[in-house]
Amino acid sequence: MADDLGDEWWKEQPSGVAGSPESSDGEARKASGGGGGEDAGAMQQETAPDNTASEEARQPKECFLRQPKKTKTEKAKTKKRKKKITEILAKSEPKPGAPEDLQQLLADYYCSRRSVIELEELRLPESCFLQANDLTHSLSSYLKEICPKWAKLRKSHSEKKSVLVLVICSSAVRALELIRSMTAFRGDSKVMKLFAKHIKIQEQVRLLEKRVVHLGVGTPGRIKELVKQGALLLNPLRFLVFDWNWRDQKLRRMMDIPEIRKETCELLEMGILSLCKSESLKLGLF
């Protein structure tokens, strides 16, 4: 009986009365709904993005990239290539040598070996220089111009171990070319080859001691050695001509070759500079 009354009591209760399962469920839902709304609002406030930070993030940022180090091979490839003398001369017109070129050659060669006073002593007087070749002369025509009284001078020369005219060039091959090109000038004059190729120095010493020679053509190295041994005397020398303007297959002049430049400067110091200053010897640039 009690059980039947209890069941009916639950059924007769209105839906909104406290204590009923429906009312308790609704209150729970309201409580949970109300609290959930507040929590959701709080979460939205906490997770709301910062507009200032987002704008800063959108701004473009400057970045730096570290360049990789170049290897030795890459550095060698990027290094500026030094121009060859053939490339330089191809774009420029040939310029004849001048007395100042020889003066500068001596100054450059001895600048690290001599004092300022000694360098001044090496400077040659302008009066010792002959008219330079303007690139229009052959060797014969140039020698005729600088030595118009050659026939008379040749006849008066009778001293052995010496020459009247000395032509200095860069090689034996060039010396042979010069000897052939001076045929019109030399006439009956005796010419001697003064280079090392295929000719022993003992043979040259013997010939200089045996006969009178008027013209000598050779390289500075062999001429210097003959002077050093006393086989070639410089005092009777009247004209010294440098084959200055001629260029070889590599377009080098004789003074562009380091060995020839060194031998020439050393030869000039073996009495030639003093003869030029005394004006008994004249210099020419062919």
C-alpha atoms as a PDB file:
ATOM      1  CA  MET A   1       0.000   0.000   0.000  1.00  0.00           C
ATOM      2  CA  ALA A   2       2.778   2.324   0.905  1.00  0.00           C
ATOM      3  CA  ASP A   3       4.578   1.452  -2.305  1.00  0.00           C
ATOM      4  CA  ASP A   4       1.517   2.220  -4.398  1.00  0.00           C
ATOM      5  CA  LEU A   5       1.052   5.604  -2.687  1.00  0.00           C
ATOM      6  CA  GLY A   6       4.673   6.488  -3.172  1.00  0.00           C
ATOM      7  CA  ASP A   7       4.514   5.829  -6.907  1.00  0.00           C
ATOM      8  CA  GLU A   8       1.369   7.862  -7.319  1.00  0.00           C
ATOM      9  CA  TRP A   9       2.854  10.718  -5.316  1.00  0.00           C
ATOM     10  CA  TRP A  10       5.684  11.055  -7.784  1.00  0.00           C
ATOM     11  CA  LYS A  11       3.337  11.003 -10.716  1.00  0.00           C
ATOM     12  CA  GLU A  12       1.034  13.740  -9.308  1.00  0.00           C
ATOM     13  CA  GLN A  13       3.820  16.208  -8.644  1.00  0.00           C
ATOM     14  CA  PRO A  14       3.968  19.083 -11.145  1.00  0.00           C
ATOM     15  CA  SER A  15       6.969  19.279 -13.365  1.00  0.00           C
ATOM     16  CA  GLY A  16       8.376  22.480 -11.763  1.00  0.00           C
ATOM     17  CA  VAL A  17       8.125  21.346  -8.108  1.00  0.00           C
ATOM     18  CA  ALA A  18      11.370  21.093  -6.220  1.00  0.00           C
ATOM     19  CA  GLY A  19      12.569  17.669  -5.480  1.00  0.00           C
ATOM     20  CA  SER A  20      11.305  16.129  -8.672  1.00  0.00           C
ATOM     21  CA  PRO A  21      13.858  14.508 -10.932  1.00  0.00           C
ATOM     22  CA  GLU A  22      12.920  16.826 -13.787  1.00  0.00           C
ATOM     23  CA  SER A  23      13.311  19.951 -11.706  1.00  0.00           C
ATOM     24  CA  SER A  24      16.627  18.822 -10.339  1.00  0.00           C
ATOM     25  CA  ASP A  25      17.856  18.027 -13.821  1.00  0.00           C
ATOM     26  CA  GLY A  26      16.759  21.472 -15.116  1.00  0.00           C
ATOM     27  CA  GLU A  27      18.413  23.276 -12.259  1.00  0.00           C
ATOM     28  CA  ALA A  28      21.569  21.340 -12.892  1.00  0.00           C
ATOM     29  CA  ARG A  29      21.427  22.244 -16.562  1.00  0.00           C
ATOM     30  CA  LYS A  30      20.878  25.914 -15.718  1.00  0.00           C
ATOM     31  CA  ALA A  31      23.716  25.866 -13.252  1.00  0.00           C
ATOM     32  CA  SER A  32      25.984  24.169 -15.666  1.00  0.00           C
ATOM     33  CA  GLY A  33      24.814  26.416 -18.530  1.00  0.00           C
ATOM     34  CA  GLY A  34      25.313  29.606 -16.590  1.00  0.00           C
ATOM     35  CA  GLY A  35      28.742  28.650 -15.349  1.00  0.00           C
ATOM     36  CA  GLY A  36      29.759  27.393 -18.799  1.00  0.00           C
ATOM     37  CA  GLY A  37      28.849  30.764 -20.325  1.00  0.00           C
ATOM     38  CA  GLU A  38      31.025  32.631 -17.898  1.00  0.00           C
ATOM     39  CA  ASP A  39      33.911  30.217 -18.405  1.00  0.00           C
ATOM     40  CA  ALA A  40      33.556  30.462 -22.208  1.00  0.00           C
ATOM     41  CA  GLY A  41      33.659  34.265 -22.031  1.00  0.00           C
ATOM     42  CA  ALA A  42      36.756  34.099 -19.892  1.00  0.00           C
ATOM     43  CA  MET A  43      38.388  31.677 -22.297  1.00  0.00           C
ATOM     44  CA  GLN A  44      37.602  33.925 -25.250  1.00  0.00           C
ATOM     45  CA  GLN A  45      39.163  36.868 -23.466  1.00  0.00           C
ATOM     46  CA  GLU A  46      42.242  34.875 -22.554  1.00  0.00           C
ATOM     47  CA  THR A  47      42.723  33.370 -26.033  1.00  0.00           C
ATOM     48  CA  ALA A  48      41.841  36.514 -28.011  1.00  0.00           C
ATOM     49  CA  PRO A  49      44.842  37.321 -30.284  1.00  0.00           C
ATOM     50  CA  ASP A  50      46.816  40.462 -29.635  1.00  0.00           C
ATOM     51  CA  ASN A  51      46.290  42.773 -32.618  1.00  0.00           C
ATOM     52  CA  THR A  52      49.561  44.627 -31.997  1.00  0.00           C
ATOM     53  CA  ALA A  53      51.617  41.429 -32.018  1.00  0.00           C
ATOM     54  CA  SER A  54      49.921  40.188 -35.198  1.00  0.00           C
ATOM     55  CA  GLU A  55      50.636  43.476 -36.983  1.00  0.00           C
ATOM     56  CA  GLU A  56      54.303  43.272 -35.994  1.00  0.00           C
ATOM     57  CA  ALA A  57      54.414  39.720 -37.267  1.00  0.00           C
ATOM     58  CA  ARG A  58      53.048  40.845 -40.640  1.00  0.00           C
ATOM     59  CA  GLN A  59      55.811  43.469 -41.052  1.00  0.00           C
ATOM     60  CA  PRO A  60      58.678  42.287 -43.348  1.00  0.00           C
ATOM     61  CA  LYS A  61      61.801  41.484 -41.403  1.00  0.00           C
ATOM     62  CA  GLU A  62      65.366  42.051 -42.659  1.00  0.00           C
ATOM     63  CA  CYS A  63      67.482  38.941 -42.700  1.00  0.00           C
ATOM     64  CA  PHE A  64      71.138  38.349 -43.448  1.00  0.00           C
ATOM     65  CA  LEU A  65      72.507  35.310 -45.232  1.00  0.00           C
ATOM     66  CA  ARG A  66      76.043  34.210 -44.512  1.00  0.00           C
ATOM     67  CA  GLN A  67      77.980  33.901 -47.749  1.00  0.00           C
ATOM     68  CA  PRO A  68      79.969  30.696 -48.130  1.00  0.00           C
ATOM     69  CA  LYS A  69      83.727  31.147 -48.040  1.00  0.00           C
ATOM     70  CA  LYS A  70      85.456  30.908 -51.410  1.00  0.00           C
ATOM     71  CA  THR A  71      87.979  28.189 -51.930  1.00  0.00           C
ATOM     72  CA  LYS A  72      91.478  28.836 -53.271  1.00  0.00           C
ATOM     73  CA  THR A  73      90.401  27.586 -56.685  1.00  0.00           C
ATOM     74  CA  GLU A  74      87.483  30.016 -56.834  1.00  0.00           C
ATOM     75  CA  LYS A  75      89.705  32.886 -55.686  1.00  0.00           C
ATOM     76  CA  ALA A  76      92.175  32.075 -58.434  1.00  0.00           C
ATOM     77  CA  LYS A  77      89.407  32.111 -61.015  1.00  0.00           C
ATOM     78  CA  THR A  78      88.005  35.455 -59.850  1.00  0.00           C
ATOM     79  CA  LYS A  79      91.450  37.091 -59.614  1.00  0.00           C
ATOM     80  CA  LYS A  80      91.982  39.765 -62.219  1.00  0.00           C
ATOM     81  CA  ARG A  81      94.097  38.453 -65.044  1.00  0.00           C
ATOM     82  CA  LYS A  82      97.255  40.383 -65.771  1.00  0.00           C
ATOM     83  CA  LYS A  83      97.436  41.624 -69.324  1.00  0.00           C
ATOM     84  CA  LYS A  84     100.175  40.211 -71.513  1.00  0.00           C
ATOM     85  CA  ILE A  85     102.566  42.490 -73.344  1.00  0.00           C
ATOM     86  CA  THR A  86     101.199  41.176 -76.650  1.00  0.00           C
ATOM     87  CA  GLU A  87      97.708  42.397 -75.697  1.00  0.00           C
ATOM     88  CA  ILE A  88      99.007  45.798 -74.639  1.00  0.00           C
ATOM     89  CA  LEU A  89     101.076  46.302 -77.787  1.00  0.00           C
ATOM     90  CA  ALA A  90      98.235  45.170 -80.035  1.00  0.00           C
ATOM     91  CA  LYS A  91      96.243  48.205 -78.886  1.00  0.00           C
ATOM     92  CA  SER A  92      99.095  50.706 -79.000  1.00  0.00           C
ATOM     93  CA  GLU A  93     101.389  52.062 -81.683  1.00  0.00           C
ATOM     94  CA  PRO A  94     105.128  51.246 -81.479  1.00  0.00           C
ATOM     95  CA  LYS A  95     107.117  53.995 -79.810  1.00  0.00           C
ATOM     96  CA  PRO A  96     110.818  54.424 -80.648  1.00  0.00           C
ATOM     97  CA  GLY A  97     113.334  54.341 -77.847  1.00  0.00           C
ATOM     98  CA  ALA A  98     114.764  57.575 -76.472  1.00  0.00           C
ATOM     99  CA  PRO A  99     117.861  58.430 -74.389  1.00  0.00           C
ATOM    100  CA  GLU A 100     115.683  58.910 -71.332  1.00  0.00           C
ATOM    101  CA  ASP A 101     114.642  55.251 -71.597  1.00  0.00           C
ATOM    102  CA  LEU A 102     118.229  54.132 -71.047  1.00  0.00           C
ATOM    103  CA  GLN A 103     118.650  56.599 -68.184  1.00  0.00           C
ATOM    104  CA  GLN A 104     115.509  55.223 -66.536  1.00  0.00           C
ATOM    105  CA  LEU A 105     116.674  51.652 -67.080  1.00  0.00           C
ATOM    106  CA  LEU A 106     119.857  52.293 -65.114  1.00  0.00           C
ATOM    107  CA  ALA A 107     117.972  54.117 -62.356  1.00  0.00           C
ATOM    108  CA  ASP A 108     115.420  51.308 -61.970  1.00  0.00           C
ATOM    109  CA  TYR A 109     118.045  48.573 -61.955  1.00  0.00           C
ATOM    110  CA  TYR A 110     120.295  50.187 -59.349  1.00  0.00           C
ATOM    111  CA  CYS A 111     117.695  51.975 -57.205  1.00  0.00           C
ATOM    112  CA  SER A 112     117.731  49.262 -54.515  1.00  0.00           C
ATOM    113  CA  ARG A 113     121.514  48.785 -54.650  1.00  0.00           C
ATOM    114  CA  ARG A 114     122.864  52.332 -54.667  1.00  0.00           C
ATOM    115  CA  SER A 115     122.451  55.516 -52.688  1.00  0.00           C
ATOM    116  CA  VAL A 116     120.943  58.669 -54.136  1.00  0.00           C
ATOM    117  CA  ILE A 117     124.396  60.160 -54.737  1.00  0.00           C
ATOM    118  CA  GLU A 118     125.617  57.017 -56.498  1.00  0.00           C
ATOM    119  CA  LEU A 119     122.504  57.000 -58.710  1.00  0.00           C
ATOM    120  CA  GLU A 120     123.307  60.564 -59.773  1.00  0.00           C
ATOM    121  CA  GLU A 121     126.791  59.447 -60.770  1.00  0.00           C
ATOM    122  CA  LEU A 122     125.256  56.833 -63.075  1.00  0.00           C
ATOM    123  CA  ARG A 123     123.332  59.451 -65.010  1.00  0.00           C
ATOM    124  CA  LEU A 124     124.812  60.047 -68.459  1.00  0.00           C
ATOM    125  CA  PRO A 125     125.234  63.460 -70.103  1.00  0.00           C
ATOM    126  CA  GLU A 126     122.868  64.154 -72.969  1.00  0.00           C
ATOM    127  CA  SER A 127     125.808  64.990 -75.226  1.00  0.00           C
ATOM    128  CA  CYS A 128     126.906  61.338 -75.309  1.00  0.00           C
ATOM    129  CA  PHE A 129     123.709  60.198 -77.061  1.00  0.00           C
ATOM    130  CA  LEU A 130     123.398  59.996 -80.835  1.00  0.00           C
ATOM    131  CA  GLN A 131     120.236  60.571 -82.816  1.00  0.00           C
ATOM    132  CA  ALA A 132     117.876  57.680 -82.007  1.00  0.00           C
ATOM    133  CA  ASN A 133     116.268  55.539 -84.689  1.00  0.00           C
ATOM    134  CA  ASP A 134     112.784  56.789 -85.586  1.00  0.00           C
ATOM    135  CA  LEU A 135     111.772  53.286 -86.819  1.00  0.00           C
ATOM    136  CA  THR A 136     112.373  54.220 -90.464  1.00  0.00           C
ATOM    137  CA  HIS A 137     116.044  53.155 -90.688  1.00  0.00           C
ATOM    138  CA  SER A 138     117.743  49.908 -91.543  1.00  0.00           C
ATOM    139  CA  LEU A 139     120.926  49.228 -89.594  1.00  0.00           C
ATOM    140  CA  SER A 140     123.100  50.280 -92.548  1.00  0.00           C
ATOM    141  CA  SER A 141     121.272  53.580 -93.044  1.00  0.00           C
ATOM    142  CA  TYR A 142     121.346  54.286 -89.309  1.00  0.00           C
ATOM    143  CA  LEU A 143     125.096  53.652 -89.070  1.00  0.00           C
ATOM    144  CA  LYS A 144     125.713  55.894 -92.084  1.00  0.00           C
ATOM    145  CA  GLU A 145     123.766  58.680 -90.366  1.00  0.00           C
ATOM    146  CA  ILE A 146     125.579  58.498 -87.033  1.00  0.00           C
ATOM    147  CA  CYS A 147     129.001  57.844 -88.560  1.00  0.00           C
ATOM    148  CA  PRO A 148     129.276  59.739 -91.861  1.00  0.00           C
ATOM    149  CA  LYS A 149     133.107  59.565 -91.911  1.00  0.00           C
ATOM    150  CA  TRP A 150     133.275  55.821 -91.470  1.00  0.00           C
ATOM    151  CA  ALA A 151     135.700  55.173 -94.345  1.00  0.00           C
ATOM    152  CA  LYS A 152     138.324  57.502 -92.875  1.00  0.00           C
ATOM    153  CA  LEU A 153     137.814  56.173 -89.341  1.00  0.00           C
ATOM    154  CA  ARG A 154     138.113  52.574 -90.518  1.00  0.00           C
ATOM    155  CA  LYS A 155     141.426  53.167 -92.281  1.00  0.00           C
ATOM    156  CA  SER A 156     142.979  54.785 -89.242  1.00  0.00           C
ATOM    157  CA  HIS A 157     142.128  51.869 -86.954  1.00  0.00           C
ATOM    158  CA  SER A 158     144.969  49.407 -86.492  1.00  0.00           C
ATOM    159  CA  GLU A 159     144.670  48.290 -82.844  1.00  0.00           C
ATOM    160  CA  LYS A 160     143.993  44.642 -82.133  1.00  0.00           C
ATOM    161  CA  LYS A 161     141.713  43.264 -79.383  1.00  0.00           C
ATOM    162  CA  SER A 162     139.300  46.116 -80.048  1.00  0.00           C
ATOM    163  CA  VAL A 163     136.485  47.346 -82.297  1.00  0.00           C
ATOM    164  CA  LEU A 164     135.315  50.778 -83.434  1.00  0.00           C
ATOM    165  CA  VAL A 165     131.589  50.041 -83.511  1.00  0.00           C
ATOM    166  CA  LEU A 166     129.876  47.625 -81.143  1.00  0.00           C
ATOM    167  CA  VAL A 167     126.262  46.552 -81.718  1.00  0.00           C
ATOM    168  CA  ILE A 168     124.543  44.843 -78.771  1.00  0.00           C
ATOM    169  CA  CYS A 169     121.422  42.715 -79.318  1.00  0.00           C
ATOM    170  CA  SER A 170     119.387  40.076 -77.488  1.00  0.00           C
ATOM    171  CA  SER A 171     120.363  36.799 -79.191  1.00  0.00           C
ATOM    172  CA  ALA A 172     122.733  35.067 -81.613  1.00  0.00           C
ATOM    173  CA  VAL A 173     120.000  34.722 -84.224  1.00  0.00           C
ATOM    174  CA  ARG A 174     119.324  38.447 -84.101  1.00  0.00           C
ATOM    175  CA  ALA A 175     123.065  39.159 -84.306  1.00  0.00           C
ATOM    176  CA  LEU A 176     123.319  37.213 -87.570  1.00  0.00           C
ATOM    177  CA  GLU A 177     120.376  39.181 -88.983  1.00  0.00           C
ATOM    178  CA  LEU A 178     122.074  42.463 -88.087  1.00  0.00           C
ATOM    179  CA  ILE A 179     125.374  41.396 -89.650  1.00  0.00           C
ATOM    180  CA  ARG A 180     123.600  40.610 -92.910  1.00  0.00           C
ATOM    181  CA  SER A 181     121.704  43.911 -92.817  1.00  0.00           C
ATOM    182  CA  MET A 182     124.837  46.059 -92.455  1.00  0.00           C
ATOM    183  CA  THR A 183     126.466  44.901 -95.694  1.00  0.00           C
ATOM    184  CA  ALA A 184     125.940  48.275 -97.410  1.00  0.00           C
ATOM    185  CA  PHE A 185     127.704  50.079 -94.566  1.00  0.00           C
ATOM    186  CA  ARG A 186     130.630  47.877 -93.667  1.00  0.00           C
ATOM    187  CA  GLY A 187     132.265  47.538 -97.097  1.00  0.00           C
ATOM    188  CA  ASP A 188     135.686  45.984 -96.551  1.00  0.00           C
ATOM    189  CA  SER A 189     135.460  46.288 -92.780  1.00  0.00           C
ATOM    190  CA  LYS A 190     136.095  43.223 -90.633  1.00  0.00           C
ATOM    191  CA  VAL A 191     133.078  42.098 -88.617  1.00  0.00           C
ATOM    192  CA  MET A 192     133.213  39.705 -85.670  1.00  0.00           C
ATOM    193  CA  LYS A 193     130.460  37.658 -84.066  1.00  0.00           C
ATOM    194  CA  LEU A 194     130.489  38.204 -80.317  1.00  0.00           C
ATOM    195  CA  PHE A 195     127.919  35.739 -78.995  1.00  0.00           C
ATOM    196  CA  ALA A 196     128.105  32.359 -77.272  1.00  0.00           C
ATOM    197  CA  LYS A 197     126.035  30.122 -79.545  1.00  0.00           C
ATOM    198  CA  HIS A 198     128.266  27.600 -81.419  1.00  0.00           C
ATOM    199  CA  ILE A 199     131.344  29.767 -80.807  1.00  0.00           C
ATOM    200  CA  LYS A 200     133.758  29.064 -77.962  1.00  0.00           C
ATOM    201  CA  ILE A 201     135.128  32.048 -76.101  1.00  0.00           C
ATOM    202  CA  GLN A 202     138.711  30.775 -76.629  1.00  0.00           C
ATOM    203  CA  GLU A 203     138.208  31.018 -80.397  1.00  0.00           C
ATOM    204  CA  GLN A 204     136.950  34.590 -80.104  1.00  0.00           C
ATOM    205  CA  VAL A 205     139.915  35.531 -77.901  1.00  0.00           C
ATOM    206  CA  ARG A 206     142.313  34.085 -80.459  1.00  0.00           C
ATOM    207  CA  LEU A 207     140.734  35.978 -83.368  1.00  0.00           C
ATOM    208  CA  LEU A 208     140.748  39.292 -81.489  1.00  0.00           C
ATOM    209  CA  GLU A 209     144.440  38.872 -80.690  1.00  0.00           C
ATOM    210  CA  LYS A 210     145.318  37.833 -84.241  1.00  0.00           C
ATOM    211  CA  ARG A 211     143.655  40.444 -86.464  1.00  0.00           C
ATOM    212  CA  VAL A 212     142.208  43.958 -86.586  1.00  0.00           C
ATOM    213  CA  VAL A 213     138.402  44.045 -86.235  1.00  0.00           C
ATOM    214  CA  HIS A 214     136.284  47.108 -87.039  1.00  0.00           C
ATOM    215  CA  LEU A 215     132.757  45.993 -86.167  1.00  0.00           C
ATOM    216  CA  GLY A 216     131.492  43.697 -83.433  1.00  0.00           C
ATOM    217  CA  VAL A 217     127.941  42.374 -83.100  1.00  0.00           C
ATOM    218  CA  GLY A 218     126.870  40.234 -80.161  1.00  0.00           C
ATOM    219  CA  THR A 219     125.085  39.712 -76.862  1.00  0.00           C
ATOM    220  CA  PRO A 220     125.918  41.579 -73.648  1.00  0.00           C
ATOM    221  CA  GLY A 221     126.784  38.419 -71.718  1.00  0.00           C
ATOM    222  CA  ARG A 222     129.577  37.263 -74.060  1.00  0.00           C
ATOM    223  CA  ILE A 223     130.875  40.820 -74.614  1.00  0.00           C
ATOM    224  CA  LYS A 224     131.053  41.323 -70.853  1.00  0.00           C
ATOM    225  CA  GLU A 225     133.038  38.102 -70.448  1.00  0.00           C
ATOM    226  CA  LEU A 226     135.517  39.116 -73.160  1.00  0.00           C
ATOM    227  CA  VAL A 227     136.025  42.506 -71.492  1.00  0.00           C
ATOM    228  CA  LYS A 228     136.457  40.812 -68.127  1.00  0.00           C
ATOM    229  CA  GLN A 229     139.191  38.522 -69.512  1.00  0.00           C
ATOM    230  CA  GLY A 230     140.974  41.446 -71.168  1.00  0.00           C
ATOM    231  CA  ALA A 231     140.403  40.036 -74.652  1.00  0.00           C
ATOM    232  CA  LEU A 232     138.322  43.058 -75.728  1.00  0.00           C
ATOM    233  CA  LEU A 233     139.528  46.561 -74.929  1.00  0.00           C
ATOM    234  CA  LEU A 234     136.974  49.351 -74.654  1.00  0.00           C
ATOM    235  CA  ASN A 235     139.152  52.453 -74.939  1.00  0.00           C
ATOM    236  CA  PRO A 236     139.348  52.424 -78.803  1.00  0.00           C
ATOM    237  CA  LEU A 237     135.540  52.012 -79.005  1.00  0.00           C
ATOM    238  CA  ARG A 238     133.832  54.986 -80.650  1.00  0.00           C
ATOM    239  CA  PHE A 239     130.196  53.950 -81.141  1.00  0.00           C
ATOM    240  CA  LEU A 240     128.023  51.658 -79.029  1.00  0.00           C
ATOM    241  CA  VAL A 241     124.629  50.865 -80.569  1.00  0.00           C
ATOM    242  CA  PHE A 242     121.799  49.063 -78.785  1.00  0.00           C
ATOM    243  CA  ASP A 243     119.288  47.078 -80.850  1.00  0.00           C
ATOM    244  CA  TRP A 244     116.654  48.791 -78.727  1.00  0.00           C
ATOM    245  CA  ASN A 245     113.433  48.800 -80.766  1.00  0.00           C
ATOM    246  CA  TRP A 246     113.440  45.302 -82.267  1.00  0.00           C
ATOM    247  CA  ARG A 247     110.969  42.813 -80.783  1.00  0.00           C
ATOM    248  CA  ASP A 248     111.084  39.011 -80.785  1.00  0.00           C
ATOM    249  CA  GLN A 249     108.207  36.576 -81.376  1.00  0.00           C
ATOM    250  CA  LYS A 250     106.852  37.361 -77.903  1.00  0.00           C
ATOM    251  CA  LEU A 251     107.027  41.085 -78.745  1.00  0.00           C
ATOM    252  CA  ARG A 252     109.758  41.669 -76.168  1.00  0.00           C
ATOM    253  CA  ARG A 253     112.490  44.229 -76.694  1.00  0.00           C
ATOM    254  CA  MET A 254     115.985  43.307 -75.578  1.00  0.00           C
ATOM    255  CA  MET A 255     115.621  45.316 -72.369  1.00  0.00           C
ATOM    256  CA  ASP A 256     112.351  43.556 -71.546  1.00  0.00           C
ATOM    257  CA  ILE A 257     114.282  40.312 -70.984  1.00  0.00           C
ATOM    258  CA  PRO A 258     115.560  40.251 -67.368  1.00  0.00           C
ATOM    259  CA  GLU A 259     118.801  38.403 -68.130  1.00  0.00           C
ATOM    260  CA  ILE A 260     119.714  40.733 -71.012  1.00  0.00           C
ATOM    261  CA  ARG A 261     118.856  43.793 -68.913  1.00  0.00           C
ATOM    262  CA  LYS A 262     121.082  42.573 -66.071  1.00  0.00           C
ATOM    263  CA  GLU A 263     124.033  41.782 -68.358  1.00  0.00           C
ATOM    264  CA  THR A 264     123.714  45.137 -70.130  1.00  0.00           C
ATOM    265  CA  CYS A 265     123.722  47.177 -66.916  1.00  0.00           C
ATOM    266  CA  GLU A 266     126.758  45.287 -65.630  1.00  0.00           C
ATOM    267  CA  LEU A 267     128.559  45.785 -68.955  1.00  0.00           C
ATOM    268  CA  LEU A 268     127.907  49.529 -68.866  1.00  0.00           C
ATOM    269  CA  GLU A 269     129.620  49.730 -65.488  1.00  0.00           C
ATOM    270  CA  MET A 270     132.780  48.041 -66.779  1.00  0.00           C
ATOM    271  CA  GLY A 271     134.189  51.291 -68.168  1.00  0.00           C
ATOM    272  CA  ILE A 272     131.544  52.270 -70.722  1.00  0.00           C
ATOM    273  CA  LEU A 273     129.845  54.852 -68.480  1.00  0.00           C
ATOM    274  CA  SER A 274     133.163  56.581 -67.786  1.00  0.00           C
ATOM    275  CA  LEU A 275     133.981  56.668 -71.525  1.00  0.00           C
ATOM    276  CA  CYS A 276     130.578  58.253 -72.216  1.00  0.00           C
ATOM    277  CA  LYS A 277     131.175  60.929 -69.605  1.00  0.00           C
ATOM    278  CA  SER A 278     134.541  61.729 -71.148  1.00  0.00           C
ATOM    279  CA  GLU A 279     132.711  62.051 -74.507  1.00  0.00           C
ATOM    280  CA  SER A 280     135.077  59.676 -76.276  1.00  0.00           C
ATOM    281  CA  LEU A 281     132.226  57.177 -76.751  1.00  0.00           C
ATOM    282  CA  LYS A 282     128.787  57.824 -78.247  1.00  0.00           C
ATOM    283  CA  LEU A 283     125.619  55.810 -77.584  1.00  0.00           C
ATOM    284  CA  GLY A 284     122.875  55.079 -80.107  1.00  0.00           C
ATOM    285  CA  LEU A 285     119.458  53.420 -79.819  1.00  0.00           C
ATOM    286  CA  PHE A 286     118.607  51.591 -83.032  1.00  0.00           C
END
